[in-house]
Amino acid sequence: MIDDIIHKGSLSPDKICQLLSATGSEQKELHRAANNVAVTYRGNIVYYRGLIEFSNICIKNCYYCGIRKENKDVVRYDVDEAEILAAARYALKNRFGSVVLQSGERTDTAFVEKINRLITKIKEESNGRLGITLSLGEQTEATYQRWFNSGAHRYLLRIETSDARLYQSLHPDDELHRFSNRLDALNNLKKIGYQTGTGVMIGLPGQTLANLADDLLYIKNTDVDMVGMGPYIEHDNTPLTAQKKHLWPLEVRFNTALNMVAVLRLMMPDINIAAATALQAIDPMGREKALKAGANIIMPNITPTENRKHYLLYDNKPCTDESADDCLSCLNMRISLVGKETGWDEWGDSPHYFKRCEKSPPH
């Protein structure tokens, strides 16, 4: 049945819902088909993005997030530039193709200037060898342009959900948390020329398979180049945790997240899809299962170990007590176990981006 749906042309919302609900042998068939597409279009290679979660200071109050501004129990931190550059040097030494700078959201001048200096210094110190992805939330178009001019070339901004009403239920009703702001930011990133990424959470209170089907169609129609999405996992010290009784069972969230990866790979064969760390919070082999379902990006955490336990967007986040060396050694073994190869010293850019922009890839 799954094979029939896959090979009957474009996927309608109803067909997508059928695929997202696949279990057992049908799920295995779906994941096998997605993996075959990933290998055909992106090779049997997994690309590393060294993740530096350098600050948990945030101006936003998103109802689902553990580092929201009004969570007074968070130990706030802001890694200094020297330590961030040391982490980038670690990535270069260990042959990662790229790093990701991620933090809570800020828009103040000091923050914008700090990011700009870091981009410039990482490019200088790596002689242009390290690719730079940013995941720093909504910024002005001028800020995005400045960071792009300095050398950042990818930007991940998750839309969280493409349903405007569901989006607003996850955020305070004020000017800082408008759905339209998120759409404008994504449009600006594409216009400037970033390899643009987005993504959604899976299993939110009030969310349906139809919502998720619409999310996948939104991602395809927006024509993004990379996607990071995973199961919603609650943080007990957030407003959304009050809706626990409306949550999908963890196993359902996990399996649906894997199916989302697989279906998206079928819909957009040449993009980059990350194996989300949140999958591993539910299943110890979660990220590996995502790689076998069509994902091709892994983000080893190279944040200084003492800070990791304070960057908790959700509860039970894995690997918070590991060093960068521990994380890397573990991932190398896990990637090998699922029959994949690592793309050392490669940016692993999305072919979709170059086709979309009619450009020739530099790497």
Protein backbone atom coordinates (compact mmCIF):
# COMPACT_ATOMS: atom_id res chain seq x y z
CA MET A 1 0.00 0.00 0.00
CA ILE A 2 2.80 2.42 0.92
CA ASP A 3 4.58 1.74 -2.36
CA ASP A 4 1.38 2.48 -4.29
CA ILE A 5 0.95 5.84 -2.54
CA ILE A 6 4.56 6.83 -3.11
CA HIS A 7 4.56 6.07 -6.82
CA LYS A 8 1.25 7.69 -7.75
CA GLY A 9 2.54 11.16 -8.47
CA SER A 10 2.31 14.15 -6.13
CA LEU A 11 1.21 13.57 -2.57
CA SER A 12 -2.15 15.00 -1.52
CA PRO A 13 -2.81 15.94 2.12
CA ASP A 14 -4.82 12.73 2.59
CA LYS A 15 -2.01 10.59 1.18
CA ILE A 16 0.51 12.35 3.37
CA CYS A 17 -1.64 11.62 6.43
CA GLN A 18 -1.70 7.95 5.46
CA LEU A 19 2.09 7.89 5.23
CA LEU A 20 2.53 9.75 8.51
CA SER A 21 0.41 7.17 10.33
CA ALA A 22 2.39 4.21 8.95
CA THR A 23 3.53 1.61 11.50
CA GLY A 24 5.05 -1.86 11.42
CA SER A 25 5.92 -3.24 7.99
CA GLU A 26 4.41 -0.24 6.23
CA GLN A 27 6.65 2.11 8.19
CA LYS A 28 9.70 0.01 7.31
CA GLU A 29 8.69 0.17 3.64
CA LEU A 30 8.32 3.96 3.87
CA HIS A 31 11.69 4.44 5.56
CA ARG A 32 13.43 2.14 3.10
CA ALA A 33 12.02 4.10 0.17
CA ALA A 34 13.09 7.41 1.73
CA ASN A 35 16.59 6.13 2.46
CA ASN A 36 16.94 5.00 -1.15
CA VAL A 37 15.96 8.48 -2.33
CA ALA A 38 18.43 10.08 0.09
CA VAL A 39 21.26 7.86 -1.18
CA THR A 40 20.36 8.60 -4.80
CA TYR A 41 20.25 12.38 -4.37
CA ARG A 42 22.61 13.05 -1.42
CA GLY A 43 24.81 9.96 -1.38
CA ASN A 44 25.29 7.57 1.54
CA ILE A 45 26.98 10.37 3.47
CA VAL A 46 26.21 12.04 6.79
CA TYR A 47 27.52 15.59 7.22
CA TYR A 48 28.53 17.02 10.58
CA ARG A 49 27.57 20.46 11.87
CA GLY A 50 29.44 21.23 15.10
CA LEU A 51 26.77 22.74 17.35
CA ILE A 52 27.83 25.58 19.67
CA GLU A 53 24.92 26.55 21.97
CA PHE A 54 26.76 29.60 23.26
CA SER A 55 24.05 31.39 25.26
CA ASN A 56 20.67 30.64 26.84
CA ILE A 57 19.76 34.31 27.34
CA CYS A 58 16.52 34.99 25.45
CA ILE A 59 14.09 37.88 25.01
CA LYS A 60 11.23 35.59 23.94
CA ASN A 61 8.59 33.91 26.11
CA CYS A 62 7.51 30.99 23.94
CA TYR A 63 5.22 28.78 26.00
CA TYR A 64 7.01 25.51 25.15
CA CYS A 65 10.65 26.51 25.68
CA GLY A 66 12.76 25.87 28.77
CA ILE A 67 14.96 28.93 28.28
CA ARG A 68 12.06 31.38 27.87
CA LYS A 69 12.69 34.79 29.43
CA GLU A 70 10.29 34.33 32.34
CA ASN A 71 11.73 31.00 33.49
CA LYS A 72 13.52 32.26 36.60
CA ASP A 73 14.95 28.84 37.44
CA VAL A 74 17.35 28.82 34.49
CA VAL A 75 21.02 29.43 35.21
CA ARG A 76 21.81 31.93 32.46
CA TYR A 77 25.14 31.85 30.65
CA ASP A 78 26.85 33.57 27.74
CA VAL A 79 30.04 31.90 26.51
CA ASP A 80 32.78 34.41 25.76
CA GLU A 81 34.17 34.81 22.27
CA ALA A 82 37.48 33.08 23.05
CA GLU A 83 35.69 29.88 24.10
CA ILE A 84 33.42 29.96 21.06
CA LEU A 85 36.43 30.33 18.78
CA ALA A 86 38.12 27.45 20.62
CA ALA A 87 35.07 25.29 19.88
CA ALA A 88 35.25 26.30 16.22
CA ARG A 89 38.94 25.35 16.17
CA TYR A 90 37.97 21.97 17.64
CA ALA A 91 35.52 21.48 14.76
CA LEU A 92 38.20 22.36 12.23
CA LYS A 93 40.78 20.08 13.84
CA ASN A 94 38.32 17.18 13.84
CA ARG A 95 37.42 17.74 10.19
CA PHE A 96 33.85 18.93 10.63
CA GLY A 97 32.81 20.80 7.53
CA SER A 98 30.71 23.34 9.39
CA VAL A 99 29.70 24.85 12.70
CA VAL A 100 26.31 26.06 13.94
CA LEU A 101 26.08 29.11 16.19
CA GLN A 102 22.89 28.80 18.20
CA SER A 103 21.54 30.72 21.17
CA GLY A 104 18.50 32.20 22.78
CA GLU A 105 17.09 35.09 20.80
CA ARG A 106 18.52 38.59 21.18
CA THR A 107 18.47 41.59 18.88
CA ASP A 108 20.48 44.18 20.81
CA THR A 109 23.46 45.91 19.23
CA ALA A 110 26.04 44.15 21.43
CA PHE A 111 24.70 40.75 20.37
CA VAL A 112 24.61 41.63 16.66
CA GLU A 113 28.18 42.93 16.85
CA LYS A 114 29.38 39.85 18.73
CA ILE A 115 27.96 37.50 16.09
CA ASN A 116 29.49 39.55 13.33
CA ARG A 117 32.93 39.40 14.96
CA LEU A 118 32.62 35.65 15.47
CA ILE A 119 31.68 35.00 11.86
CA THR A 120 34.61 37.07 10.65
CA LYS A 121 37.10 35.43 13.02
CA ILE A 122 35.92 31.88 12.29
CA LYS A 123 36.32 32.53 8.59
CA GLU A 124 39.77 34.04 9.11
CA GLU A 125 41.05 31.34 11.48
CA SER A 126 39.80 28.49 9.31
CA ASN A 127 40.97 30.13 6.09
CA GLY A 128 37.41 29.87 4.84
CA ARG A 129 37.28 26.09 5.36
CA LEU A 130 34.52 26.05 7.99
CA GLY A 131 30.99 26.66 6.80
CA ILE A 132 28.86 28.71 9.18
CA THR A 133 25.20 28.09 9.95
CA LEU A 134 23.31 30.48 12.22
CA SER A 135 20.26 29.67 14.32
CA LEU A 136 19.61 32.92 16.15
CA GLY A 137 15.93 33.60 15.65
CA GLU A 138 14.15 36.56 14.14
CA GLN A 139 16.36 39.52 13.23
CA THR A 140 16.01 42.56 11.02
CA GLU A 141 16.73 42.21 7.32
CA ALA A 142 19.73 44.50 7.79
CA THR A 143 21.18 42.23 10.46
CA TYR A 144 20.68 39.13 8.32
CA GLN A 145 22.39 40.92 5.42
CA ARG A 146 25.32 42.01 7.55
CA TRP A 147 25.97 38.50 8.87
CA PHE A 148 25.66 37.08 5.36
CA ASN A 149 28.16 39.63 4.04
CA SER A 150 30.58 38.61 6.79
CA GLY A 151 30.50 34.95 5.78
CA ALA A 152 27.53 33.09 7.27
CA HIS A 153 25.84 31.16 4.50
CA ARG A 154 23.14 29.02 6.13
CA TYR A 155 20.37 30.06 8.50
CA LEU A 156 17.93 27.80 10.35
CA LEU A 157 14.69 29.41 11.52
CA ARG A 158 12.04 26.88 12.47
CA ILE A 159 8.49 27.96 11.80
CA GLU A 160 7.38 25.52 14.55
CA THR A 161 3.99 25.06 12.87
CA SER A 162 2.55 26.44 9.63
CA ASP A 163 -0.89 26.82 11.21
CA ALA A 164 -1.22 30.46 12.33
CA ARG A 165 -3.73 29.71 15.10
CA LEU A 166 -1.67 26.84 16.49
CA TYR A 167 1.46 29.01 16.27
CA GLN A 168 -0.18 31.75 18.31
CA SER A 169 -1.29 29.22 20.94
CA LEU A 170 2.41 28.54 21.56
CA HIS A 171 3.30 32.20 22.13
CA PRO A 172 2.16 35.29 24.03
CA ASP A 173 -0.21 37.55 22.11
CA ASP A 174 2.14 40.49 21.58
CA GLU A 175 4.20 42.13 18.85
CA LEU A 176 7.31 40.12 19.72
CA HIS A 177 5.64 36.79 18.94
CA ARG A 178 3.67 37.31 15.71
CA PHE A 179 3.34 34.54 13.12
CA SER A 180 3.74 37.17 10.40
CA ASN A 181 7.15 38.12 11.85
CA ARG A 182 8.36 34.55 11.37
CA LEU A 183 7.12 34.46 7.77
CA ASP A 184 8.77 37.81 7.00
CA ALA A 185 12.07 36.63 8.49
CA LEU A 186 12.10 33.46 6.38
CA ASN A 187 11.34 35.47 3.25
CA ASN A 188 14.17 37.89 4.05
CA LEU A 189 16.66 35.03 4.52
CA LYS A 190 15.82 33.59 1.12
CA LYS A 191 15.92 37.00 -0.54
CA ILE A 192 19.38 37.75 0.86
CA GLY A 193 20.74 34.47 -0.43
CA TYR A 194 21.13 32.22 2.59
CA GLN A 195 20.70 28.49 2.31
CA THR A 196 17.46 28.71 4.24
CA GLY A 197 16.22 26.14 6.72
CA THR A 198 13.06 25.73 8.71
CA GLY A 199 11.23 23.02 10.60
CA VAL A 200 8.34 22.11 12.87
CA MET A 201 7.57 20.38 16.16
CA ILE A 202 5.65 17.13 16.05
CA GLY A 203 3.05 16.16 18.64
CA LEU A 204 2.07 19.57 19.99
CA PRO A 205 -1.10 19.87 22.07
CA GLY A 206 -3.99 20.36 19.64
CA GLN A 207 -1.95 19.33 16.59
CA THR A 208 -3.35 16.79 14.11
CA LEU A 209 -1.93 14.70 11.28
CA ALA A 210 -3.68 17.11 8.92
CA ASN A 211 -1.70 19.97 10.48
CA LEU A 212 1.53 18.04 9.91
CA ALA A 213 0.59 17.28 6.32
CA ASP A 214 0.04 21.00 5.81
CA ASP A 215 3.44 21.63 7.42
CA LEU A 216 5.17 19.38 4.90
CA LEU A 217 3.35 21.05 2.02
CA TYR A 218 4.30 24.47 3.41
CA ILE A 219 7.96 23.43 3.59
CA LYS A 220 7.86 22.18 0.01
CA ASN A 221 6.02 25.23 -1.31
CA THR A 222 8.36 27.59 0.54
CA ASP A 223 11.19 25.88 -1.35
CA VAL A 224 13.63 25.77 1.55
CA ASP A 225 17.05 24.11 1.35
CA MET A 226 17.33 22.38 4.71
CA VAL A 227 15.00 21.21 7.47
CA GLY A 228 15.36 20.42 11.16
CA MET A 229 12.28 18.97 12.84
CA GLY A 230 11.61 16.59 15.68
CA PRO A 231 9.15 15.50 18.34
CA TYR A 232 7.83 18.04 20.80
CA ILE A 233 9.11 17.14 24.25
CA GLU A 234 7.75 19.13 27.15
CA HIS A 235 9.73 21.09 29.70
CA ASP A 236 8.05 20.97 33.11
CA ASN A 237 8.78 24.61 33.88
CA THR A 238 6.82 26.04 30.95
CA PRO A 239 3.15 27.06 30.46
CA LEU A 240 2.55 24.43 27.78
CA THR A 241 3.23 21.61 30.20
CA ALA A 242 -0.17 22.33 31.74
CA GLN A 243 -1.64 20.70 28.62
CA LYS A 244 0.12 17.37 29.20
CA LYS A 245 -3.15 15.45 29.07
CA HIS A 246 -3.56 16.57 25.46
CA LEU A 247 -0.14 15.32 24.35
CA TRP A 248 0.38 12.41 22.02
CA PRO A 249 2.09 9.40 23.63
CA LEU A 250 5.88 9.65 23.29
CA GLU A 251 6.02 6.60 21.03
CA VAL A 252 3.49 8.16 18.65
CA ARG A 253 5.42 11.45 18.59
CA PHE A 254 8.62 9.53 17.87
CA ASN A 255 7.25 7.38 15.07
CA THR A 256 5.41 10.29 13.48
CA ALA A 257 8.61 12.37 13.57
CA LEU A 258 10.50 9.62 11.74
CA ASN A 259 7.70 9.40 9.20
CA MET A 260 7.82 13.18 8.73
CA VAL A 261 11.51 12.88 7.85
CA ALA A 262 10.79 10.06 5.41
CA VAL A 263 7.87 11.77 3.68
CA LEU A 264 9.74 15.04 3.35
CA ARG A 265 12.67 13.20 1.76
CA LEU A 266 10.28 11.78 -0.82
CA MET A 267 8.80 15.23 -1.44
CA MET A 268 12.13 17.12 -1.56
CA PRO A 269 14.85 14.64 -2.55
CA ASP A 270 17.83 17.02 -2.72
CA ILE A 271 17.56 19.07 0.48
CA ASN A 272 19.43 18.56 3.75
CA ILE A 273 17.44 17.01 6.61
CA ALA A 274 18.82 16.88 10.14
CA ALA A 275 18.45 13.94 12.50
CA ALA A 276 17.09 15.84 15.52
CA THR A 277 18.68 15.37 18.93
CA ALA A 278 15.17 15.33 20.45
CA LEU A 279 14.63 11.91 18.85
CA GLN A 280 17.39 10.55 21.05
CA ALA A 281 15.60 11.88 24.14
CA ILE A 282 12.87 9.31 23.42
CA ASP A 283 14.86 6.45 21.88
CA PRO A 284 18.62 5.93 22.43
CA MET A 285 18.90 5.10 18.72
CA GLY A 286 16.60 7.91 17.62
CA ARG A 287 19.03 9.84 15.45
CA GLU A 288 20.30 6.66 13.79
CA LYS A 289 16.74 5.66 12.93
CA ALA A 290 16.25 9.09 11.36
CA LEU A 291 19.37 8.55 9.22
CA LYS A 292 17.82 5.33 7.95
CA ALA A 293 14.59 7.20 7.20
CA GLY A 294 16.11 9.87 4.94
CA ALA A 295 18.03 12.31 7.18
CA ASN A 296 21.62 13.17 6.24
CA ILE A 297 22.80 15.76 8.82
CA ILE A 298 23.99 15.25 12.41
CA MET A 299 24.93 18.04 14.80
CA PRO A 300 27.53 16.91 17.36
CA ASN A 301 27.37 19.16 20.40
CA ILE A 302 30.69 20.95 20.90
CA THR A 303 29.41 23.45 23.47
CA PRO A 304 31.70 23.68 26.53
CA THR A 305 30.51 20.84 28.78
CA GLU A 306 29.83 22.99 31.84
CA ASN A 307 27.22 24.99 29.92
CA ARG A 308 25.33 22.18 28.22
CA LYS A 309 23.06 21.35 31.14
CA HIS A 310 21.75 24.93 31.11
CA TYR A 311 20.65 24.90 27.44
CA LEU A 312 17.54 22.85 28.10
CA LEU A 313 14.78 23.67 25.64
CA TYR A 314 13.05 20.46 26.80
CA ASP A 315 13.45 17.90 29.57
CA ASN A 316 15.69 14.82 29.34
CA LYS A 317 17.95 16.33 26.70
CA PRO A 318 20.67 13.75 25.92
CA CYS A 319 24.45 14.16 26.11
CA THR A 320 24.44 17.16 28.46
CA ASP A 321 27.27 15.67 30.54
CA GLU A 322 29.48 14.53 27.65
CA SER A 323 32.58 16.25 26.38
CA ALA A 324 32.94 17.13 22.70
CA ASP A 325 35.32 14.17 22.32
CA ASP A 326 32.80 11.78 23.89
CA CYS A 327 30.03 13.04 21.62
CA LEU A 328 32.16 12.75 18.49
CA SER A 329 33.41 9.24 19.29
CA CYS A 330 29.88 8.05 19.98
CA LEU A 331 28.48 9.51 16.76
CA ASN A 332 31.26 8.11 14.60
CA MET A 333 30.44 4.64 15.90
CA ARG A 334 26.69 5.09 15.51
CA ILE A 335 26.96 6.34 11.92
CA SER A 336 29.11 3.37 11.00
CA LEU A 337 26.63 0.97 12.61
CA VAL A 338 23.82 2.13 10.31
CA GLY A 339 25.98 1.69 7.21
CA LYS A 340 26.59 5.38 6.51
CA GLU A 341 29.78 7.29 5.80
CA THR A 342 30.88 10.63 7.26
CA GLY A 343 31.56 13.57 4.96
CA TRP A 344 34.79 14.80 6.54
CA ASP A 345 35.99 18.31 5.65
CA GLU A 346 32.88 18.93 3.55
CA TRP A 347 30.29 21.65 3.85
CA GLY A 348 27.64 19.27 2.56
CA ASP A 349 25.62 22.07 1.00
CA SER A 350 22.12 21.42 -0.24
CA PRO A 351 22.05 20.82 -4.02
CA HIS A 352 18.53 22.20 -3.87
CA TYR A 353 19.90 25.62 -3.02
CA PHE A 354 22.16 25.81 -6.06
CA LYS A 355 19.40 24.60 -8.33
CA ARG A 356 16.96 27.09 -6.83
CA CYS A 357 19.40 30.00 -7.17
CA GLU A 358 20.91 28.78 -10.45
CA LYS A 359 24.38 28.85 -8.94
CA SER A 360 27.35 26.51 -9.15
CA PRO A 361 28.41 24.95 -5.82
CA PRO A 362 31.80 26.15 -4.51
CA HIS A 363 32.49 22.89 -2.64
